[in-house]
Amino acid sequence: MEATLKILFVDDEPDLAPLIRQKFRRHVREGLLALDFASDGVEALEKLDQHPDIELVVTDLNMPRMDGLTLLRHLREREREHKAIVVTAYGDMENIRTAMNQGAFDFLTKPIDLGDLEVTINNARELVEREREASVVRQAFGRYLSDKIAQAILSDPGALSLGGERREVSVLMSDLSGFSALSERLEPERVVELLNLYLGKMTEVIDAYDGTIDEFIGDAILVIFGAPIARSDHAERAVACAVAMQRAMADVNAALAERGLPALAMGIGLNTGEVVVGNIGSEKRAKYGVVGSPVNLTSRIQTLAASGEVVITTATREAAGPTVRIASTREVAMKGFAEPITVHFVEGVGGDYDLALPQTDAEPLVPLAVPIPCHYTPLDGKQLVGEPRRAEIVRLSSTHAIVLTATSVPPRSDVRLTIPLSPEAEATAELYAKVVEAESSSVGGPMLTVHFAGVPAEAAEALARYRAVGLTPGPAQGGAPPEGALAPSSAEAAADAGGSAAPL
């Protein structure tokens, strides 16, 4: 069944409404038309406010209080476009020309021929229905593509053809820290609720900086700057967007807390280079996307970012210009690259954006009189590598730890730590962390500074208990290791004998 077309007739002649109702009574009865009436432009605007779903306005031009031309100007200023048909005296071509310039769809002359009116309304219906279909397509595209991609595809007849073009762009990839472990602890419905809230807020930020969301990859977001709309400032814009995304995480976590959901933390990587952008796929299924080695490097760079960080390549730093403020720079050996990659850790961006990464008060690392025996397992992506290895935590905060290990771990690697919930307990908790620094300790073994990626509630409580004890000897520190724990390592023995970790 055809959707109802809602029409507002605006005319100060009292005899018009009965004639219109009589003419279109069958259409109204069958649900094809819904009719309403107003005596002038002022009343018409009031009716449109009350019934925003009115799609067609048929208006006289000569009326008291507000004439038809003034009404047309008001219609053009509204967010929703209304199709308009104007009615005027025969031969008043000057007003008709003005009305058409004001956006009128068609015109009729008085006295109104009801047959002509029916034909004109039918023509208007066809136009309205085409626009309804286009609106449905736009909304559907908008759910799965960014508004800019959808608009580019709908406005360019050749945009749907397969192929692409070479273009320099900046590519952003964000990922939630410790999300895999977090999702295992939540019901699937709660995971979806959490993701929708997070992705919704990030989409708002990305749209504000004219980024093009290429796709959501689970909890990761891949964003392009500089396509499909070319922008000379794509790199600076991308860095500003990344900083704004990190700043928006406070709002995300506040909203999550209101719903009883755990807080999230995110790392972001950025790279700039020449890629191929366009429609990629087959004739049956295609997507607007980006292909090239700069995209692969972006993915690698992102893995270096700890929670709350923005990491960029030298290519992005040079393309973005002097407004980008850098906190530190380092070279990192990366899988698949023969030479170390130079990366930069962003502090903020100046210029017109004037944004800085959120500054958190540095919580002190509490030295532990008796180290916490634990195990660590390196990760390659999401996969554990090898068997658990013995280690011990010698300094601790709620977000960081100093860990003494028997073997070295490269900086910016990911590890899983397994810690006892208490010195007397057999139960353990798993923590995922990123190694932000690795150096030799005064007791001979490697010393890792790790940043926790996600801390489950029971692990957070255990860490709080260990920090509360700190340097103060007590029963919690003097108990035997948990049953089944490995024998103390040489580092543990050194610590028990009075050794201490090197200062930060």
Protein backbone atom coordinates (compact mmCIF):
# COMPACT_ATOMS: atom_id res chain seq x y z
CA MET A 1 0.00 0.00 0.00
CA GLU A 2 1.23 3.50 -0.85
CA ALA A 3 2.20 5.71 2.05
CA THR A 4 -0.15 8.54 2.94
CA LEU A 5 0.71 11.93 1.45
CA LYS A 6 -0.12 14.68 3.93
CA ILE A 7 -1.17 17.99 2.36
CA LEU A 8 -1.73 21.43 3.89
CA PHE A 9 -3.97 23.80 1.88
CA VAL A 10 -3.41 27.48 2.73
CA ASP A 11 -6.11 29.85 1.45
CA ASP A 12 -8.34 32.53 3.00
CA GLU A 13 -11.39 31.56 0.90
CA PRO A 14 -13.80 29.66 3.23
CA ASP A 15 -15.46 27.78 0.34
CA LEU A 16 -12.25 26.04 -0.74
CA ALA A 17 -12.01 23.45 2.06
CA PRO A 18 -15.43 21.81 1.41
CA LEU A 19 -14.65 21.54 -2.32
CA ILE A 20 -11.26 19.95 -1.66
CA ARG A 21 -12.67 17.49 0.88
CA GLN A 22 -15.42 16.48 -1.54
CA LYS A 23 -13.01 16.04 -4.46
CA PHE A 24 -10.54 13.86 -2.57
CA ARG A 25 -12.88 12.01 -0.18
CA ARG A 26 -12.09 8.63 -1.76
CA HIS A 27 -8.34 9.26 -1.55
CA VAL A 28 -8.69 10.16 2.13
CA ARG A 29 -10.88 7.13 2.82
CA GLU A 30 -8.32 4.81 1.18
CA GLY A 31 -5.48 6.35 3.17
CA LEU A 32 -3.74 7.85 0.15
CA LEU A 33 -4.14 11.45 1.30
CA ALA A 34 -4.49 13.29 4.61
CA LEU A 35 -5.78 16.86 4.34
CA ASP A 36 -5.40 19.91 6.59
CA PHE A 37 -6.27 23.57 6.07
CA ALA A 38 -5.01 27.00 7.14
CA SER A 39 -6.38 30.48 6.37
CA ASP A 40 -3.04 32.29 5.98
CA GLY A 41 0.73 31.93 6.27
CA VAL A 42 0.84 32.47 10.04
CA GLU A 43 -1.65 29.68 10.71
CA ALA A 44 0.17 27.50 8.15
CA LEU A 45 3.45 27.75 10.07
CA GLU A 46 1.64 26.85 13.28
CA LYS A 47 0.14 23.78 11.56
CA LEU A 48 3.57 22.73 10.25
CA ASP A 49 4.98 22.99 13.77
CA GLN A 50 2.17 20.79 15.06
CA HIS A 51 2.43 18.30 12.18
CA PRO A 52 6.05 18.14 10.94
CA ASP A 53 5.18 15.13 8.74
CA ILE A 54 3.24 17.33 6.27
CA GLU A 55 5.07 16.94 2.96
CA LEU A 56 3.09 19.09 0.49
CA VAL A 57 1.85 22.68 0.89
CA VAL A 58 -0.67 24.13 -1.58
CA THR A 59 -0.81 27.87 -0.92
CA ASP A 60 -2.53 30.94 -2.28
CA LEU A 61 -0.27 33.96 -2.82
CA ASN A 62 -2.60 36.77 -1.76
CA MET A 63 -3.65 36.34 1.89
CA PRO A 64 -3.94 38.50 5.02
CA ARG A 65 -1.31 38.58 7.82
CA MET A 66 1.24 36.55 5.82
CA ASP A 67 1.13 36.12 2.06
CA GLY A 68 2.22 33.06 0.11
CA LEU A 69 5.63 34.44 -0.97
CA THR A 70 6.58 35.16 2.64
CA LEU A 71 5.40 31.66 3.61
CA LEU A 72 7.64 30.16 0.91
CA ARG A 73 10.65 32.00 2.36
CA HIS A 74 9.88 30.55 5.80
CA LEU A 75 9.55 27.07 4.31
CA ARG A 76 13.04 27.34 2.78
CA GLU A 77 14.50 28.22 6.17
CA ARG A 78 13.16 25.07 7.81
CA GLU A 79 15.28 21.94 8.29
CA ARG A 80 12.72 19.80 6.49
CA GLU A 81 11.95 20.67 2.92
CA HIS A 82 8.27 20.85 1.99
CA LYS A 83 7.10 20.62 -1.61
CA ALA A 84 5.01 23.67 -2.45
CA ILE A 85 2.38 24.39 -5.11
CA VAL A 86 1.28 28.03 -5.46
CA VAL A 87 -2.14 29.26 -6.52
CA THR A 88 -2.67 32.75 -7.91
CA ALA A 89 -4.80 34.79 -10.29
CA TYR A 90 -4.41 34.10 -13.98
CA GLY A 91 -1.79 36.24 -15.64
CA ASP A 92 0.08 37.15 -12.43
CA MET A 93 3.32 35.85 -13.96
CA GLU A 94 5.61 38.09 -11.93
CA ASN A 95 4.47 36.53 -8.64
CA ILE A 96 4.58 33.05 -10.17
CA ARG A 97 8.18 33.61 -11.30
CA THR A 98 9.12 34.83 -7.82
CA ALA A 99 7.39 31.84 -6.22
CA MET A 100 9.26 29.37 -8.43
CA ASN A 101 12.53 31.08 -7.53
CA GLN A 102 11.55 30.66 -3.89
CA GLY A 103 11.35 26.89 -4.42
CA ALA A 104 7.75 26.23 -5.45
CA PHE A 105 7.32 22.89 -7.22
CA ASP A 106 4.43 23.92 -9.52
CA PHE A 107 1.61 26.47 -9.82
CA LEU A 108 -2.12 26.63 -10.52
CA THR A 109 -4.32 29.57 -11.51
CA LYS A 110 -7.64 30.62 -10.05
CA PRO A 111 -10.36 29.58 -10.25
CA ILE A 112 -8.81 26.19 -9.45
CA ASP A 113 -9.64 23.39 -11.86
CA LEU A 114 -9.99 20.40 -9.52
CA GLY A 115 -8.93 18.02 -12.29
CA ASP A 116 -5.71 19.98 -12.81
CA LEU A 117 -5.21 20.01 -9.05
CA GLU A 118 -5.48 16.22 -8.91
CA VAL A 119 -2.90 15.79 -11.69
CA THR A 120 -0.54 18.25 -10.01
CA ILE A 121 -0.89 16.47 -6.65
CA ASN A 122 -0.17 13.13 -8.33
CA ASN A 123 3.00 14.61 -9.86
CA ALA A 124 3.99 15.91 -6.45
CA ARG A 125 3.33 12.45 -4.94
CA GLU A 126 5.78 10.84 -7.40
CA LEU A 127 8.46 13.36 -6.49
CA VAL A 128 7.84 12.93 -2.75
CA GLU A 129 8.01 9.13 -3.05
CA ARG A 130 11.33 9.32 -4.91
CA GLU A 131 12.70 11.52 -2.17
CA ARG A 132 11.38 9.13 0.47
CA GLU A 133 13.25 6.28 -1.24
CA ALA A 134 16.41 8.37 -1.47
CA SER A 135 16.08 9.24 2.21
CA VAL A 136 15.80 5.56 3.11
CA VAL A 137 18.93 4.83 1.06
CA ARG A 138 20.80 7.71 2.69
CA GLN A 139 19.80 6.52 6.16
CA ALA A 140 20.79 2.93 5.32
CA PHE A 141 24.13 4.08 3.93
CA GLY A 142 24.62 6.29 6.97
CA ARG A 143 24.31 3.29 9.27
CA TYR A 144 27.14 1.46 7.54
CA LEU A 145 29.16 4.25 5.91
CA SER A 146 30.17 7.71 6.98
CA ASP A 147 27.93 10.55 5.79
CA LYS A 148 30.68 11.80 3.48
CA ILE A 149 31.11 8.47 1.71
CA ALA A 150 27.36 8.04 1.39
CA GLN A 151 27.00 11.53 -0.05
CA ALA A 152 29.89 10.97 -2.48
CA ILE A 153 28.34 7.72 -3.72
CA LEU A 154 24.83 9.16 -4.06
CA SER A 155 25.91 12.38 -5.78
CA ASP A 156 28.37 10.85 -8.28
CA PRO A 157 26.83 8.51 -10.87
CA GLY A 158 30.20 6.83 -11.41
CA ALA A 159 31.03 6.48 -7.73
CA LEU A 160 29.67 2.94 -7.50
CA SER A 161 32.04 1.58 -10.16
CA LEU A 162 34.94 -0.52 -8.94
CA GLY A 163 38.39 1.01 -8.92
CA GLY A 164 40.38 3.61 -7.07
CA GLU A 165 42.92 6.39 -7.25
CA ARG A 166 46.28 7.06 -5.69
CA ARG A 167 46.17 9.72 -3.03
CA GLU A 168 48.15 10.79 0.01
CA VAL A 169 46.04 10.37 3.12
CA SER A 170 46.48 10.02 6.84
CA VAL A 171 45.22 6.81 8.40
CA LEU A 172 44.12 6.50 12.04
CA MET A 173 43.57 3.25 13.88
CA SER A 174 42.28 3.06 17.43
CA ASP A 175 41.89 -0.01 19.62
CA LEU A 176 40.62 -0.62 23.12
CA SER A 177 43.23 -1.86 25.57
CA GLY A 178 42.44 -5.24 27.11
CA PHE A 179 39.07 -5.48 25.40
CA SER A 180 39.33 -9.20 24.61
CA ALA A 181 39.75 -10.07 28.27
CA LEU A 182 37.02 -7.64 29.28
CA SER A 183 34.54 -9.10 26.77
CA GLU A 184 35.09 -12.57 28.23
CA ARG A 185 33.90 -11.32 31.63
CA LEU A 186 30.68 -9.67 30.39
CA GLU A 187 27.45 -11.02 29.02
CA PRO A 188 27.26 -10.64 25.20
CA GLU A 189 24.41 -8.15 25.49
CA ARG A 190 26.45 -6.00 27.84
CA VAL A 191 29.43 -6.13 25.47
CA VAL A 192 27.24 -4.87 22.63
CA GLU A 193 25.83 -2.11 24.88
CA LEU A 194 29.34 -1.04 25.84
CA LEU A 195 30.61 -1.07 22.26
CA ASN A 196 27.65 0.86 20.91
CA LEU A 197 28.10 3.61 23.47
CA TYR A 198 31.85 3.82 22.84
CA LEU A 199 31.62 3.67 19.04
CA GLY A 200 28.77 6.18 19.02
CA LYS A 201 30.82 8.77 20.88
CA MET A 202 33.93 8.14 18.78
CA THR A 203 31.88 8.51 15.59
CA GLU A 204 30.70 11.93 16.75
CA VAL A 205 34.29 13.06 17.31
CA ILE A 206 35.55 11.64 14.01
CA ASP A 207 32.73 13.32 12.07
CA ALA A 208 33.55 16.63 13.76
CA TYR A 209 37.10 16.43 12.34
CA ASP A 210 35.94 15.32 8.87
CA GLY A 211 37.38 11.85 9.17
CA THR A 212 35.98 9.03 7.04
CA ILE A 213 35.30 5.86 8.99
CA ASP A 214 36.49 3.05 6.75
CA GLU A 215 35.26 0.30 9.07
CA PHE A 216 34.78 -0.94 12.60
CA ILE A 217 36.91 -4.02 13.26
CA GLY A 218 35.45 -5.33 16.49
CA ASP A 219 36.49 -2.67 18.99
CA ALA A 220 39.01 -1.12 16.57
CA ILE A 221 38.21 1.83 14.30
CA LEU A 222 39.96 2.51 10.97
CA VAL A 223 39.63 6.13 9.82
CA ILE A 224 40.84 7.96 6.69
CA PHE A 225 41.63 11.68 6.50
CA GLY A 226 41.93 13.19 3.02
CA ALA A 227 39.44 10.92 1.18
CA PRO A 228 36.93 10.93 -0.35
CA ILE A 229 37.20 14.69 0.23
CA ALA A 230 40.78 15.80 -0.44
CA ARG A 231 42.23 18.06 2.26
CA SER A 232 45.70 19.56 2.36
CA ASP A 233 45.66 19.54 6.19
CA HIS A 234 44.67 15.87 6.53
CA ALA A 235 47.64 14.97 8.77
CA GLU A 236 47.17 17.81 11.25
CA ARG A 237 43.43 17.16 11.26
CA ALA A 238 44.04 13.46 11.95
CA VAL A 239 46.33 14.17 14.91
CA ALA A 240 43.83 16.66 16.35
CA CYS A 241 41.07 14.09 15.97
CA ALA A 242 43.15 11.45 17.77
CA VAL A 243 43.75 13.81 20.70
CA ALA A 244 40.05 14.74 20.78
CA MET A 245 39.12 11.04 20.81
CA GLN A 246 41.33 10.45 23.86
CA ARG A 247 39.80 13.47 25.58
CA ALA A 248 36.30 12.12 24.85
CA MET A 249 37.05 8.90 26.74
CA ALA A 250 36.22 10.67 30.01
CA ASP A 251 32.65 11.19 28.80
CA VAL A 252 32.51 7.60 27.55
CA ASN A 253 33.59 6.20 30.90
CA ALA A 254 31.20 8.45 32.82
CA ALA A 255 28.33 7.12 30.71
CA LEU A 256 29.54 3.54 31.17
CA ALA A 257 29.74 3.98 34.93
CA GLU A 258 26.10 5.15 35.00
CA ARG A 259 25.15 1.85 33.36
CA GLY A 260 27.29 -0.26 35.66
CA LEU A 261 29.81 -1.07 32.92
CA PRO A 262 33.60 -1.10 33.33
CA ALA A 263 35.80 1.77 32.19
CA LEU A 264 37.62 1.62 28.86
CA ALA A 265 41.05 2.76 27.73
CA MET A 266 42.22 3.27 24.16
CA GLY A 267 45.45 3.49 22.21
CA ILE A 268 45.72 5.26 18.82
CA GLY A 269 48.24 5.01 15.99
CA LEU A 270 48.59 7.32 12.96
CA ASN A 271 50.51 7.13 9.69
CA THR A 272 50.58 9.17 6.47
CA GLY A 273 51.37 7.98 2.97
CA GLU A 274 50.20 7.31 -0.56
CA VAL A 275 47.47 4.69 -0.82
CA VAL A 276 44.79 3.59 -3.26
CA VAL A 277 41.31 4.73 -2.20
CA GLY A 278 38.06 3.82 -3.86
CA ASN A 279 35.51 1.05 -4.24
CA ILE A 280 37.10 -2.31 -3.58
CA GLY A 281 35.47 -5.71 -3.99
CA SER A 282 33.33 -7.43 -6.62
CA GLU A 283 30.36 -6.42 -8.75
CA LYS A 284 28.05 -8.05 -6.17
CA ARG A 285 29.65 -6.67 -3.03
CA ALA A 286 32.03 -3.76 -2.66
CA LYS A 287 33.09 -1.20 -0.06
CA TYR A 288 34.77 2.16 -0.09
CA GLY A 289 38.19 1.51 1.37
CA VAL A 290 41.88 2.16 1.38
CA VAL A 291 44.71 -0.19 0.40
CA GLY A 292 48.47 0.15 0.69
CA SER A 293 51.47 -0.40 2.92
CA PRO A 294 50.79 2.82 4.91
CA VAL A 295 47.61 1.15 6.20
CA ASN A 296 49.54 -1.91 7.33
CA LEU A 297 52.11 0.28 9.09
CA THR A 298 49.31 2.17 10.86
CA SER A 299 48.07 -1.12 12.28
CA ARG A 300 51.57 -1.93 13.52
CA ILE A 301 52.07 1.53 14.99
CA GLN A 302 48.81 1.28 16.89
CA THR A 303 50.04 -1.78 18.79
CA LEU A 304 52.78 0.40 20.30
CA ALA A 305 50.27 2.75 21.95
CA ALA A 306 49.54 2.20 25.62
CA SER A 307 46.23 3.28 27.14
CA GLY A 308 45.61 6.98 26.55
CA GLU A 309 48.50 7.43 24.08
CA VAL A 310 48.64 8.70 20.50
CA VAL A 311 51.59 7.39 18.48
CA ILE A 312 52.49 8.79 15.06
CA THR A 313 55.09 8.08 12.40
CA THR A 314 57.67 10.57 11.16
CA ALA A 315 55.66 10.86 7.91
CA THR A 316 52.64 12.08 9.87
CA ARG A 317 54.70 14.40 12.02
CA GLU A 318 56.27 16.05 8.98
CA ALA A 319 52.97 16.30 7.09
CA ALA A 320 51.13 17.72 10.12
CA GLY A 321 53.65 20.48 10.63
CA PRO A 322 54.92 22.36 13.68
CA THR A 323 51.59 22.58 15.50
CA VAL A 324 51.95 18.97 16.72
CA ARG A 325 53.64 18.78 20.11
CA ILE A 326 55.72 15.67 20.77
CA ALA A 327 56.35 14.26 24.26
CA SER A 328 59.01 11.72 23.25
CA THR A 329 60.52 9.94 20.26
CA ARG A 330 61.99 6.45 20.02
CA GLU A 331 63.05 3.82 17.53
CA VAL A 332 61.21 0.52 17.66
CA ALA A 333 62.08 -2.76 15.96
CA MET A 334 58.91 -4.07 14.34
CA LYS A 335 58.04 -7.41 12.86
CA GLY A 336 58.17 -7.29 9.06
CA PHE A 337 60.47 -4.24 8.89
CA ALA A 338 64.22 -4.65 8.33
CA GLU A 339 65.06 -1.31 9.96
CA PRO A 340 63.75 0.15 13.22
CA ILE A 341 60.77 2.49 12.85
CA THR A 342 60.94 5.96 14.41
CA VAL A 343 57.73 6.82 16.23
CA HIS A 344 56.63 9.88 18.14
CA PHE A 345 54.38 10.07 21.19
CA VAL A 346 52.02 13.02 20.89
CA GLU A 347 51.49 15.47 23.72
CA GLY A 348 49.01 17.73 21.95
CA VAL A 349 48.33 19.90 18.91
CA GLY A 350 48.32 23.69 18.76
CA GLY A 351 47.21 26.08 16.07
CA ASP A 352 43.47 26.41 15.60
CA TYR A 353 42.86 23.14 17.47
CA ASP A 354 44.78 23.86 20.70
CA LEU A 355 44.23 20.44 22.26
CA ALA A 356 46.31 18.47 24.73
CA LEU A 357 46.07 14.87 25.81
CA PRO A 358 44.39 14.48 29.20
CA GLN A 359 46.89 14.79 32.02
CA THR A 360 46.43 12.30 34.82
CA ASP A 361 48.07 12.79 38.16
CA ALA A 362 51.02 10.45 38.26
CA GLU A 363 50.25 7.95 41.00
CA PRO A 364 53.43 6.95 42.84
CA LEU A 365 54.75 3.43 42.43
CA VAL A 366 54.74 1.95 45.94
CA PRO A 367 57.90 -0.07 46.71
CA LEU A 368 56.96 -3.50 48.07
CA ALA A 369 58.94 -4.85 51.05
CA VAL A 370 58.22 -8.37 49.77
CA PRO A 371 57.82 -8.59 45.99
CA ILE A 372 54.72 -10.21 44.55
CA PRO A 373 55.64 -13.49 42.85
CA CYS A 374 53.96 -13.67 39.46
CA HIS A 375 54.28 -15.09 35.97
CA TYR A 376 54.29 -13.32 32.64
CA THR A 377 53.60 -14.56 29.13
CA PRO A 378 54.47 -12.48 26.04
CA LEU A 379 51.77 -11.91 23.42
CA ASP A 380 51.99 -11.68 19.65
CA GLY A 381 48.85 -9.78 18.73
CA LYS A 382 46.12 -11.61 20.66
CA GLN A 383 48.06 -14.90 20.91
CA LEU A 384 50.11 -16.03 23.91
CA VAL A 385 53.68 -16.98 22.99
CA GLY A 386 55.45 -19.77 24.91
CA GLU A 387 55.07 -20.89 28.49
CA PRO A 388 54.55 -18.62 31.50
CA ARG A 389 57.82 -17.23 32.86
CA ARG A 390 58.63 -16.41 36.46
CA ALA A 391 58.77 -12.75 37.53
CA GLU A 392 58.10 -10.56 40.54
CA ILE A 393 56.47 -7.18 41.01
CA VAL A 394 58.64 -4.88 43.15
CA ARG A 395 56.83 -1.55 42.76
CA LEU A 396 53.15 -0.99 42.15
CA SER A 397 50.43 1.59 41.41
CA SER A 398 46.88 1.10 40.21
CA THR A 399 47.95 1.55 36.57
CA HIS A 400 51.65 0.63 36.45
CA ALA A 401 54.13 -1.81 37.92
CA ILE A 402 57.87 -2.46 37.98
CA VAL A 403 58.48 -6.12 37.21
CA LEU A 404 61.77 -7.98 37.57
CA THR A 405 62.09 -10.81 35.07
CA ALA A 406 64.64 -13.49 34.21
CA THR A 407 64.55 -12.73 30.47
CA SER A 408 64.32 -9.50 28.52
CA VAL A 409 61.12 -8.32 26.87
CA PRO A 410 61.25 -5.70 24.08
CA PRO A 411 59.75 -2.30 24.92
CA ARG A 412 56.18 -1.77 23.68
CA SER A 413 55.49 -5.50 23.79
CA ASP A 414 52.30 -6.85 25.32
CA VAL A 415 52.36 -9.36 28.16
CA ARG A 416 49.90 -11.19 30.37
CA LEU A 417 50.66 -11.15 34.08
CA THR A 418 49.28 -13.79 36.44
CA ILE A 419 49.30 -12.63 40.08
CA PRO A 420 48.08 -14.23 43.33
CA LEU A 421 45.03 -12.49 44.76
CA SER A 422 46.82 -12.47 48.13
CA PRO A 423 50.00 -14.00 49.55
CA GLU A 424 47.95 -16.74 51.25
CA ALA A 425 45.54 -17.43 48.37
CA GLU A 426 45.82 -20.06 45.71
CA ALA A 427 43.49 -18.11 43.42
CA THR A 428 45.10 -15.90 40.80
CA ALA A 429 44.07 -13.06 38.51
CA GLU A 430 45.21 -12.22 35.02
CA LEU A 431 46.28 -8.74 33.96
CA TYR A 432 47.18 -7.61 30.46
CA ALA A 433 49.86 -4.95 30.22
CA LYS A 434 52.14 -3.14 27.80
CA VAL A 435 55.88 -2.91 28.46
CA VAL A 436 56.60 0.81 28.22
CA GLU A 437 60.23 0.59 29.35
CA ALA A 438 62.79 -2.20 29.70
CA GLU A 439 66.20 -1.79 31.35
CA SER A 440 68.68 -3.59 33.55
CA SER A 441 68.11 -3.57 37.29
CA SER A 442 70.62 -3.31 40.14
CA VAL A 443 70.03 -6.97 40.98
CA GLY A 444 71.10 -8.14 37.56
CA GLY A 445 67.83 -9.11 35.82
CA PRO A 446 65.78 -7.11 33.33
CA MET A 447 63.42 -4.56 34.89
CA LEU A 448 60.17 -3.82 33.05
CA THR A 449 57.88 -0.85 33.53
CA VAL A 450 54.45 -2.06 32.49
CA HIS A 451 51.18 -0.18 31.96
CA PHE A 452 48.09 -2.23 32.73
CA ALA A 453 45.74 -2.45 29.75
CA GLY A 454 42.73 -3.54 31.73
CA VAL A 455 42.27 -4.46 35.37
CA PRO A 456 39.39 -6.77 36.38
CA ALA A 457 37.61 -5.84 39.60
CA GLU A 458 39.07 -8.72 41.66
CA ALA A 459 42.58 -7.90 40.39
CA ALA A 460 42.11 -4.22 41.20
CA GLU A 461 41.14 -5.13 44.76
CA ALA A 462 44.19 -7.36 45.08
CA LEU A 463 46.51 -4.64 43.77
CA ALA A 464 44.99 -2.17 46.23
CA ARG A 465 45.70 -4.56 49.11
CA TYR A 466 49.31 -5.02 48.01
CA ARG A 467 49.80 -1.25 47.69
CA ALA A 468 48.22 -0.62 51.08
CA VAL A 469 50.77 -2.90 52.74
CA GLY A 470 53.65 -1.33 50.81
CA LEU A 471 56.79 -0.97 52.90
CA THR A 472 55.11 -1.81 56.21
CA PRO A 473 56.00 -5.35 57.36
CA GLY A 474 53.03 -7.39 58.48
CA PRO A 475 51.35 -10.78 58.31
CA ALA A 476 50.30 -10.23 54.71
CA GLN A 477 53.97 -9.92 53.73
CA GLY A 478 55.41 -12.61 55.96
CA GLY A 479 53.24 -15.51 54.80
CA ALA A 480 54.54 -18.35 52.68
CA PRO A 481 54.12 -18.21 48.90
CA PRO A 482 50.90 -19.71 47.60
CA GLU A 483 50.93 -23.47 47.47
CA GLY A 484 52.24 -24.64 44.13
CA ALA A 485 54.13 -21.37 43.48
CA LEU A 486 57.53 -21.58 41.85
CA ALA A 487 60.60 -21.35 44.04
CA PRO A 488 62.03 -17.84 44.42
CA SER A 489 64.18 -16.68 41.53
CA SER A 490 67.61 -15.12 41.98
CA ALA A 491 65.98 -11.71 41.75
CA GLU A 492 63.57 -12.62 44.55
CA ALA A 493 66.45 -13.82 46.69
CA ALA A 494 68.35 -10.59 46.09
CA ALA A 495 65.32 -8.54 47.08
CA ASP A 496 64.83 -10.57 50.26
CA ALA A 497 68.50 -9.95 51.08
CA GLY A 498 68.05 -6.22 50.90
CA GLY A 499 68.35 -5.51 47.19
CA SER A 500 66.01 -2.99 45.66
CA ALA A 501 64.90 -2.01 42.20
CA ALA A 502 66.57 0.88 40.47
CA PRO A 503 64.65 4.14 40.80
CA LEU A 504 62.43 5.30 37.93
